[in-house]
Amino acid sequence: MNQQDHTKPDHPIAVRNAPGDSAIVVVCEHASAHIPARFADLGLAPEVRQSHAVWDPGALAVAEGLAERLGATLVAATVSRLVYDCNRPPDAPDAMPARSEVIRVPGNEGLSDAERAERAHRYYTPFRETLREVLAGKPAPILVTMHSFTPIYHGQTRAVQIGILHDTDTRLADALLEAAEGTTALQVARNEPYGPEHGVTHTLRDQALPQGHPNVMIEIRNDLLTTPEDQDKIAELLAGWLRVACARIGESPCTA
């Protein structure tokens, strides 16, 4: 895919296949484990810096696979969600969390209002504005955000393997769940392992609901994404569901 390259190593956003023929815009807010040098690894131990606390393992590869299969534009964050979580507004405590599950984040402890505002300005605002521009460039955009989640959270095993998440607009989620029926042995569930009550649908609320764009958030359990072959398999599965789902709601995913 074509990619817009930026000169700053900590530029907060990458846009690939910007002209994409598809109406779909795939977003991956937690695509990267990169922590810019200015943050001194946020005080995290080396073994933590590739964990699910820092990013969504495998999510970017699936997002890329979807974009390739559907001719979609991909918008991805290029810094860790612990530096700034682009799926949270600046006033959310977990936009720059001091703790992620059981992991302490020393570099986020005791941040002043000015430090929080500076990070929001450097990372969140460009991400938000660029995504808005990409969506505005599509006559009838369809927003799909891609995430992965850990199989064990706070010591509890999660049975769900694929989560189809929505906020108040259920059109695309309903159609995706219908499309998934009978096509996989994987456990697929609505608004699991999270739902809008946990604040995870911020991008949908900010970028799609006010404009009436069809939208959905997809969560994949990350033990299904451990190899490139696994990631490709999931991307193929989801692309098929999205084609069927978009047709069911009267939208075409493959034409702008």
C-alpha atoms as a PDB file:
ATOM      1  CA  MET A   1       0.000   0.000   0.000  1.00  0.00           C
ATOM      2  CA  ASN A   2       1.013   3.571  -0.525  1.00  0.00           C
ATOM      3  CA  GLN A   3       2.103   5.214   2.686  1.00  0.00           C
ATOM      4  CA  GLN A   4       2.487   8.815   3.703  1.00  0.00           C
ATOM      5  CA  ASP A   5       5.884   9.026   5.399  1.00  0.00           C
ATOM      6  CA  HIS A   6       6.607  11.686   7.961  1.00  0.00           C
ATOM      7  CA  THR A   7      10.039  13.107   8.792  1.00  0.00           C
ATOM      8  CA  LYS A   8       9.542  13.258  12.572  1.00  0.00           C
ATOM      9  CA  PRO A   9      10.256   9.857  14.153  1.00  0.00           C
ATOM     10  CA  ASP A  10       7.496  10.341  16.712  1.00  0.00           C
ATOM     11  CA  HIS A  11       4.884  11.684  14.290  1.00  0.00           C
ATOM     12  CA  PRO A  12       1.615  10.431  15.800  1.00  0.00           C
ATOM     13  CA  ILE A  13      -0.074   9.098  12.698  1.00  0.00           C
ATOM     14  CA  ALA A  14       0.554   7.118   9.530  1.00  0.00           C
ATOM     15  CA  VAL A  15      -1.877   7.080   6.610  1.00  0.00           C
ATOM     16  CA  ARG A  16      -1.621   4.303   4.049  1.00  0.00           C
ATOM     17  CA  ASN A  17      -3.441   3.899   0.759  1.00  0.00           C
ATOM     18  CA  ALA A  18      -4.878   7.378   1.186  1.00  0.00           C
ATOM     19  CA  PRO A  19      -6.647   7.422  -2.222  1.00  0.00           C
ATOM     20  CA  GLY A  20      -8.162   3.961  -1.466  1.00  0.00           C
ATOM     21  CA  ASP A  21     -11.042   2.907  -3.695  1.00  0.00           C
ATOM     22  CA  SER A  22     -13.034   1.600  -0.731  1.00  0.00           C
ATOM     23  CA  ALA A  23     -15.502   3.522   1.396  1.00  0.00           C
ATOM     24  CA  ILE A  24     -13.982   1.783   4.419  1.00  0.00           C
ATOM     25  CA  VAL A  25     -11.441   3.553   6.602  1.00  0.00           C
ATOM     26  CA  VAL A  26      -9.610   1.127   8.892  1.00  0.00           C
ATOM     27  CA  VAL A  27      -8.217   2.660  12.089  1.00  0.00           C
ATOM     28  CA  CYS A  28      -5.658   1.147  14.461  1.00  0.00           C
ATOM     29  CA  GLU A  29      -5.212   3.424  17.469  1.00  0.00           C
ATOM     30  CA  HIS A  30      -2.952   0.989  19.380  1.00  0.00           C
ATOM     31  CA  ALA A  31      -0.797  -0.094  16.439  1.00  0.00           C
ATOM     32  CA  SER A  32       2.629   0.704  17.874  1.00  0.00           C
ATOM     33  CA  ALA A  33       4.801  -0.086  20.888  1.00  0.00           C
ATOM     34  CA  HIS A  34       7.094   2.853  20.077  1.00  0.00           C
ATOM     35  CA  ILE A  35       7.928   5.150  22.977  1.00  0.00           C
ATOM     36  CA  PRO A  36       9.806   8.274  21.815  1.00  0.00           C
ATOM     37  CA  ALA A  37      13.228   8.703  23.417  1.00  0.00           C
ATOM     38  CA  ARG A  38      12.148  11.872  25.198  1.00  0.00           C
ATOM     39  CA  PHE A  39      10.024   9.732  27.537  1.00  0.00           C
ATOM     40  CA  ALA A  40      12.903   7.442  28.637  1.00  0.00           C
ATOM     41  CA  ASP A  41      10.791   4.301  28.093  1.00  0.00           C
ATOM     42  CA  LEU A  42       8.272   5.723  30.595  1.00  0.00           C
ATOM     43  CA  GLY A  43      10.352   3.946  33.221  1.00  0.00           C
ATOM     44  CA  LEU A  44       9.129   0.536  32.025  1.00  0.00           C
ATOM     45  CA  ALA A  45      11.192  -2.639  32.254  1.00  0.00           C
ATOM     46  CA  PRO A  46      12.320  -4.149  28.910  1.00  0.00           C
ATOM     47  CA  GLU A  47      10.012  -7.156  29.247  1.00  0.00           C
ATOM     48  CA  VAL A  48       7.014  -4.840  29.618  1.00  0.00           C
ATOM     49  CA  ARG A  49       7.715  -2.694  26.583  1.00  0.00           C
ATOM     50  CA  GLN A  50       6.353  -5.263  24.115  1.00  0.00           C
ATOM     51  CA  SER A  51       3.412  -6.363  26.253  1.00  0.00           C
ATOM     52  CA  HIS A  52      -0.283  -5.756  25.615  1.00  0.00           C
ATOM     53  CA  ALA A  53      -0.127  -2.884  28.091  1.00  0.00           C
ATOM     54  CA  VAL A  54       1.962  -0.910  25.592  1.00  0.00           C
ATOM     55  CA  TRP A  55       0.156  -1.734  22.351  1.00  0.00           C
ATOM     56  CA  ASP A  56      -2.285  -4.190  20.730  1.00  0.00           C
ATOM     57  CA  PRO A  57      -0.114  -7.055  19.434  1.00  0.00           C
ATOM     58  CA  GLY A  58      -1.144  -8.227  15.973  1.00  0.00           C
ATOM     59  CA  ALA A  59      -3.782  -5.531  15.475  1.00  0.00           C
ATOM     60  CA  LEU A  60      -1.816  -3.529  12.924  1.00  0.00           C
ATOM     61  CA  ALA A  61      -1.072  -6.611  10.818  1.00  0.00           C
ATOM     62  CA  VAL A  62      -4.779  -7.466  10.699  1.00  0.00           C
ATOM     63  CA  ALA A  63      -5.657  -3.854   9.904  1.00  0.00           C
ATOM     64  CA  GLU A  64      -3.132  -3.895   7.057  1.00  0.00           C
ATOM     65  CA  GLY A  65      -4.567  -7.185   5.785  1.00  0.00           C
ATOM     66  CA  LEU A  66      -8.070  -5.730   5.798  1.00  0.00           C
ATOM     67  CA  ALA A  67      -6.970  -2.581   4.003  1.00  0.00           C
ATOM     68  CA  GLU A  68      -5.182  -4.597   1.331  1.00  0.00           C
ATOM     69  CA  ARG A  69      -8.122  -6.916   0.727  1.00  0.00           C
ATOM     70  CA  LEU A  70     -10.737  -4.163   0.642  1.00  0.00           C
ATOM     71  CA  GLY A  71      -8.739  -1.367  -1.004  1.00  0.00           C
ATOM     72  CA  ALA A  72      -9.336   0.657   2.150  1.00  0.00           C
ATOM     73  CA  THR A  73      -7.424   3.563   3.648  1.00  0.00           C
ATOM     74  CA  LEU A  74      -5.577   2.714   6.862  1.00  0.00           C
ATOM     75  CA  VAL A  75      -4.995   5.254   9.621  1.00  0.00           C
ATOM     76  CA  ALA A  76      -2.670   4.113  12.415  1.00  0.00           C
ATOM     77  CA  ALA A  77      -1.094   5.642  15.491  1.00  0.00           C
ATOM     78  CA  THR A  78       2.701   5.421  15.571  1.00  0.00           C
ATOM     79  CA  VAL A  79       3.349   5.832  19.303  1.00  0.00           C
ATOM     80  CA  SER A  80       2.423   3.635  22.247  1.00  0.00           C
ATOM     81  CA  ARG A  81      -0.964   4.013  23.845  1.00  0.00           C
ATOM     82  CA  LEU A  82       0.867   4.606  27.132  1.00  0.00           C
ATOM     83  CA  VAL A  83       2.359   7.785  25.677  1.00  0.00           C
ATOM     84  CA  TYR A  84      -1.128   8.791  24.558  1.00  0.00           C
ATOM     85  CA  ASP A  85      -4.113   6.533  23.913  1.00  0.00           C
ATOM     86  CA  CYS A  86      -5.645   7.917  20.726  1.00  0.00           C
ATOM     87  CA  ASN A  87      -8.894   6.108  21.542  1.00  0.00           C
ATOM     88  CA  ARG A  88      -9.430   8.367  24.558  1.00  0.00           C
ATOM     89  CA  PRO A  89     -10.223  12.088  24.884  1.00  0.00           C
ATOM     90  CA  PRO A  90      -7.696  14.268  26.746  1.00  0.00           C
ATOM     91  CA  ASP A  91      -9.811  14.444  29.907  1.00  0.00           C
ATOM     92  CA  ALA A  92      -9.967  10.651  30.295  1.00  0.00           C
ATOM     93  CA  PRO A  93      -7.705   9.369  33.105  1.00  0.00           C
ATOM     94  CA  ASP A  94      -6.590   6.434  30.946  1.00  0.00           C
ATOM     95  CA  ALA A  95      -5.515   8.643  28.039  1.00  0.00           C
ATOM     96  CA  MET A  96      -2.107   8.639  29.785  1.00  0.00           C
ATOM     97  CA  PRO A  97      -2.529   5.958  32.455  1.00  0.00           C
ATOM     98  CA  ALA A  98      -0.299   5.714  35.503  1.00  0.00           C
ATOM     99  CA  ARG A  99      -1.233   2.024  35.719  1.00  0.00           C
ATOM    100  CA  SER A 100      -2.265  -0.453  33.040  1.00  0.00           C
ATOM    101  CA  GLU A 101      -3.868  -3.544  34.561  1.00  0.00           C
ATOM    102  CA  VAL A 102      -1.167  -4.624  37.059  1.00  0.00           C
ATOM    103  CA  ILE A 103       1.651  -2.667  35.404  1.00  0.00           C
ATOM    104  CA  ARG A 104       2.850   0.585  36.953  1.00  0.00           C
ATOM    105  CA  VAL A 105       3.826   3.292  34.438  1.00  0.00           C
ATOM    106  CA  PRO A 106       6.309   5.563  36.282  1.00  0.00           C
ATOM    107  CA  GLY A 107       6.605   8.030  33.408  1.00  0.00           C
ATOM    108  CA  ASN A 108       2.891   8.783  33.620  1.00  0.00           C
ATOM    109  CA  GLU A 109       2.729   9.280  37.364  1.00  0.00           C
ATOM    110  CA  GLY A 110       2.024  12.757  38.650  1.00  0.00           C
ATOM    111  CA  LEU A 111       1.680  14.408  35.247  1.00  0.00           C
ATOM    112  CA  SER A 112       0.777  18.076  35.509  1.00  0.00           C
ATOM    113  CA  ASP A 113      -2.120  19.589  33.591  1.00  0.00           C
ATOM    114  CA  ALA A 114       0.428  21.278  31.328  1.00  0.00           C
ATOM    115  CA  GLU A 115       2.235  17.990  30.615  1.00  0.00           C
ATOM    116  CA  ARG A 116      -1.034  16.233  29.825  1.00  0.00           C
ATOM    117  CA  ALA A 117      -2.100  19.091  27.553  1.00  0.00           C
ATOM    118  CA  GLU A 118       1.247  19.002  25.730  1.00  0.00           C
ATOM    119  CA  ARG A 119       0.926  15.284  25.004  1.00  0.00           C
ATOM    120  CA  ALA A 120      -2.650  15.723  23.821  1.00  0.00           C
ATOM    121  CA  HIS A 121      -1.532  18.525  21.517  1.00  0.00           C
ATOM    122  CA  ARG A 122       1.437  16.544  20.165  1.00  0.00           C
ATOM    123  CA  TYR A 123      -0.241  13.163  19.671  1.00  0.00           C
ATOM    124  CA  TYR A 124      -4.030  13.200  19.971  1.00  0.00           C
ATOM    125  CA  THR A 125      -4.907  16.382  18.106  1.00  0.00           C
ATOM    126  CA  PRO A 126      -2.987  15.502  14.893  1.00  0.00           C
ATOM    127  CA  PHE A 127      -4.379  11.964  14.975  1.00  0.00           C
ATOM    128  CA  ARG A 128      -7.928  13.198  15.406  1.00  0.00           C
ATOM    129  CA  GLU A 129      -7.660  15.915  12.755  1.00  0.00           C
ATOM    130  CA  THR A 130      -5.999  13.637  10.190  1.00  0.00           C
ATOM    131  CA  LEU A 131      -8.606  10.916  10.657  1.00  0.00           C
ATOM    132  CA  ARG A 132     -11.355  13.504  10.288  1.00  0.00           C
ATOM    133  CA  GLU A 133      -9.790  14.686   6.997  1.00  0.00           C
ATOM    134  CA  VAL A 134      -9.518  11.115   5.679  1.00  0.00           C
ATOM    135  CA  LEU A 135     -13.172  10.417   6.463  1.00  0.00           C
ATOM    136  CA  ALA A 136     -14.250  13.726   4.943  1.00  0.00           C
ATOM    137  CA  GLY A 137     -12.510  12.692   1.720  1.00  0.00           C
ATOM    138  CA  LYS A 138     -14.877   9.734   1.281  1.00  0.00           C
ATOM    139  CA  PRO A 139     -18.387  10.426  -0.048  1.00  0.00           C
ATOM    140  CA  ALA A 140     -19.955   7.828   2.273  1.00  0.00           C
ATOM    141  CA  PRO A 141     -17.300   6.544   4.689  1.00  0.00           C
ATOM    142  CA  ILE A 142     -17.512   3.402   6.798  1.00  0.00           C
ATOM    143  CA  LEU A 143     -15.359   3.432   9.948  1.00  0.00           C
ATOM    144  CA  VAL A 144     -13.794   0.191  11.230  1.00  0.00           C
ATOM    145  CA  THR A 145     -11.430   0.302  14.217  1.00  0.00           C
ATOM    146  CA  MET A 146      -9.164  -2.666  14.890  1.00  0.00           C
ATOM    147  CA  HIS A 147      -7.876  -3.838  18.280  1.00  0.00           C
ATOM    148  CA  SER A 148      -6.545  -6.916  20.060  1.00  0.00           C
ATOM    149  CA  PHE A 149      -6.923  -7.970  23.687  1.00  0.00           C
ATOM    150  CA  THR A 150      -5.131 -10.207  26.149  1.00  0.00           C
ATOM    151  CA  PRO A 151      -6.533 -13.705  26.875  1.00  0.00           C
ATOM    152  CA  ILE A 152      -6.074 -13.196  30.631  1.00  0.00           C
ATOM    153  CA  TYR A 153      -6.984  -9.935  32.342  1.00  0.00           C
ATOM    154  CA  HIS A 154      -6.592  -9.366  36.076  1.00  0.00           C
ATOM    155  CA  GLY A 155      -6.164 -13.122  36.412  1.00  0.00           C
ATOM    156  CA  GLN A 156      -9.421 -13.951  34.634  1.00  0.00           C
ATOM    157  CA  THR A 157      -9.465 -16.016  31.435  1.00  0.00           C
ATOM    158  CA  ARG A 158     -11.541 -14.564  28.619  1.00  0.00           C
ATOM    159  CA  ALA A 159     -13.549 -17.051  26.583  1.00  0.00           C
ATOM    160  CA  VAL A 160     -14.553 -14.642  23.818  1.00  0.00           C
ATOM    161  CA  GLN A 161     -12.194 -14.684  20.828  1.00  0.00           C
ATOM    162  CA  ILE A 162     -13.636 -11.989  18.580  1.00  0.00           C
ATOM    163  CA  GLY A 163     -15.574  -9.032  19.919  1.00  0.00           C
ATOM    164  CA  ILE A 164     -17.866  -6.947  17.717  1.00  0.00           C
ATOM    165  CA  LEU A 165     -18.301  -3.634  19.530  1.00  0.00           C
ATOM    166  CA  HIS A 166     -20.643  -0.728  18.924  1.00  0.00           C
ATOM    167  CA  ASP A 167     -21.994   2.359  20.600  1.00  0.00           C
ATOM    168  CA  THR A 168     -25.497   3.700  19.895  1.00  0.00           C
ATOM    169  CA  ASP A 169     -25.329   2.942  16.159  1.00  0.00           C
ATOM    170  CA  THR A 170     -25.653  -0.845  15.884  1.00  0.00           C
ATOM    171  CA  ARG A 171     -26.163  -1.165  12.106  1.00  0.00           C
ATOM    172  CA  LEU A 172     -22.761  -2.466  11.077  1.00  0.00           C
ATOM    173  CA  ALA A 173     -22.218  -4.502  14.248  1.00  0.00           C
ATOM    174  CA  ASP A 174     -25.581  -6.219  13.815  1.00  0.00           C
ATOM    175  CA  ALA A 175     -24.779  -7.052  10.198  1.00  0.00           C
ATOM    176  CA  LEU A 176     -21.280  -8.310  11.086  1.00  0.00           C
ATOM    177  CA  LEU A 177     -22.640 -10.617  13.765  1.00  0.00           C
ATOM    178  CA  GLU A 178     -25.144 -11.977  11.265  1.00  0.00           C
ATOM    179  CA  ALA A 179     -22.401 -12.440   8.664  1.00  0.00           C
ATOM    180  CA  ALA A 180     -20.259 -14.339  11.175  1.00  0.00           C
ATOM    181  CA  GLU A 181     -22.948 -16.902  11.948  1.00  0.00           C
ATOM    182  CA  GLY A 182     -22.040 -20.344  10.651  1.00  0.00           C
ATOM    183  CA  THR A 183     -18.693 -19.239   9.182  1.00  0.00           C
ATOM    184  CA  THR A 184     -16.320 -19.903  12.083  1.00  0.00           C
ATOM    185  CA  ALA A 185     -15.832 -22.054  15.171  1.00  0.00           C
ATOM    186  CA  LEU A 186     -14.410 -19.047  17.006  1.00  0.00           C
ATOM    187  CA  GLN A 187     -16.457 -17.537  19.827  1.00  0.00           C
ATOM    188  CA  VAL A 188     -17.816 -14.212  18.583  1.00  0.00           C
ATOM    189  CA  ALA A 189     -19.697 -11.871  20.935  1.00  0.00           C
ATOM    190  CA  ARG A 190     -21.298  -8.434  21.006  1.00  0.00           C
ATOM    191  CA  ASN A 191     -19.606  -5.727  23.103  1.00  0.00           C
ATOM    192  CA  GLU A 192     -17.088  -8.146  24.613  1.00  0.00           C
ATOM    193  CA  PRO A 193     -14.592  -8.113  26.295  1.00  0.00           C
ATOM    194  CA  TYR A 194     -15.403  -4.399  26.596  1.00  0.00           C
ATOM    195  CA  GLY A 195     -18.347  -2.185  25.804  1.00  0.00           C
ATOM    196  CA  PRO A 196     -19.160   1.506  25.460  1.00  0.00           C
ATOM    197  CA  GLU A 197     -19.505   1.783  29.240  1.00  0.00           C
ATOM    198  CA  HIS A 198     -15.715   1.284  29.463  1.00  0.00           C
ATOM    199  CA  GLY A 199     -14.946   4.274  27.228  1.00  0.00           C
ATOM    200  CA  VAL A 200     -13.541   2.157  24.395  1.00  0.00           C
ATOM    201  CA  THR A 201     -15.841   3.537  21.682  1.00  0.00           C
ATOM    202  CA  HIS A 202     -14.400   7.048  21.793  1.00  0.00           C
ATOM    203  CA  THR A 203     -13.213   7.037  18.165  1.00  0.00           C
ATOM    204  CA  LEU A 204     -16.634   5.824  17.023  1.00  0.00           C
ATOM    205  CA  ARG A 205     -18.370   8.501  19.093  1.00  0.00           C
ATOM    206  CA  ASP A 206     -16.074  11.258  17.925  1.00  0.00           C
ATOM    207  CA  GLN A 207     -15.599  10.406  14.258  1.00  0.00           C
ATOM    208  CA  ALA A 208     -18.706   8.497  13.120  1.00  0.00           C
ATOM    209  CA  LEU A 209     -21.786   8.884  15.309  1.00  0.00           C
ATOM    210  CA  PRO A 210     -22.272  12.655  14.856  1.00  0.00           C
ATOM    211  CA  GLN A 211     -22.001  12.313  11.073  1.00  0.00           C
ATOM    212  CA  GLY A 212     -24.123   9.153  10.813  1.00  0.00           C
ATOM    213  CA  HIS A 213     -21.303   7.052   9.303  1.00  0.00           C
ATOM    214  CA  PRO A 214     -21.678   3.275   9.694  1.00  0.00           C
ATOM    215  CA  ASN A 215     -19.085   2.133  12.215  1.00  0.00           C
ATOM    216  CA  VAL A 216     -17.817  -0.771  14.280  1.00  0.00           C
ATOM    217  CA  MET A 217     -14.933  -1.688  16.570  1.00  0.00           C
ATOM    218  CA  ILE A 218     -13.420  -5.166  16.239  1.00  0.00           C
ATOM    219  CA  GLU A 219     -11.459  -6.838  19.056  1.00  0.00           C
ATOM    220  CA  ILE A 220      -9.383  -9.997  18.434  1.00  0.00           C
ATOM    221  CA  ARG A 221      -7.934 -12.067  21.278  1.00  0.00           C
ATOM    222  CA  ASN A 222      -4.208 -11.752  20.713  1.00  0.00           C
ATOM    223  CA  ASP A 223      -3.381 -15.448  21.097  1.00  0.00           C
ATOM    224  CA  LEU A 224      -5.063 -15.810  17.690  1.00  0.00           C
ATOM    225  CA  LEU A 225      -2.519 -13.392  16.174  1.00  0.00           C
ATOM    226  CA  THR A 226       0.857 -14.819  17.161  1.00  0.00           C
ATOM    227  CA  THR A 227       2.199 -15.504  13.647  1.00  0.00           C
ATOM    228  CA  PRO A 228       1.903 -13.773  10.266  1.00  0.00           C
ATOM    229  CA  GLU A 229      -0.118 -16.757   9.073  1.00  0.00           C
ATOM    230  CA  ASP A 230      -2.544 -16.354  11.975  1.00  0.00           C
ATOM    231  CA  GLN A 231      -2.888 -12.637  11.290  1.00  0.00           C
ATOM    232  CA  ASP A 232      -3.509 -13.237   7.604  1.00  0.00           C
ATOM    233  CA  LYS A 233      -6.163 -15.844   8.369  1.00  0.00           C
ATOM    234  CA  ILE A 234      -8.058 -13.470  10.665  1.00  0.00           C
ATOM    235  CA  ALA A 235      -7.788 -10.618   8.149  1.00  0.00           C
ATOM    236  CA  GLU A 236      -9.272 -12.868   5.445  1.00  0.00           C
ATOM    237  CA  LEU A 237     -12.108 -13.918   7.738  1.00  0.00           C
ATOM    238  CA  LEU A 238     -12.964 -10.347   8.745  1.00  0.00           C
ATOM    239  CA  ALA A 239     -12.749  -9.033   5.185  1.00  0.00           C
ATOM    240  CA  GLY A 240     -15.340 -11.581   4.121  1.00  0.00           C
ATOM    241  CA  TRP A 241     -17.643 -10.613   6.975  1.00  0.00           C
ATOM    242  CA  LEU A 242     -17.282  -6.923   6.202  1.00  0.00           C
ATOM    243  CA  ARG A 243     -18.162  -7.388   2.536  1.00  0.00           C
ATOM    244  CA  VAL A 244     -21.350  -9.246   3.488  1.00  0.00           C
ATOM    245  CA  ALA A 245     -22.212  -6.875   6.327  1.00  0.00           C
ATOM    246  CA  CYS A 246     -21.806  -3.726   4.266  1.00  0.00           C
ATOM    247  CA  ALA A 247     -24.010  -5.176   1.538  1.00  0.00           C
ATOM    248  CA  ARG A 248     -26.678  -5.997   4.138  1.00  0.00           C
ATOM    249  CA  ILE A 249     -26.874  -2.407   5.347  1.00  0.00           C
ATOM    250  CA  GLY A 250     -26.953  -1.092   1.797  1.00  0.00           C
ATOM    251  CA  GLU A 251     -23.352   0.128   1.706  1.00  0.00           C
ATOM    252  CA  SER A 252     -20.577  -0.887  -0.680  1.00  0.00           C
ATOM    253  CA  PRO A 253     -17.212  -1.396   1.051  1.00  0.00           C
ATOM    254  CA  CYS A 254     -15.284  -1.524  -2.176  1.00  0.00           C
ATOM    255  CA  THR A 255     -16.240   1.720  -3.866  1.00  0.00           C
ATOM    256  CA  ALA A 256     -15.585   5.248  -2.654  1.00  0.00           C
END
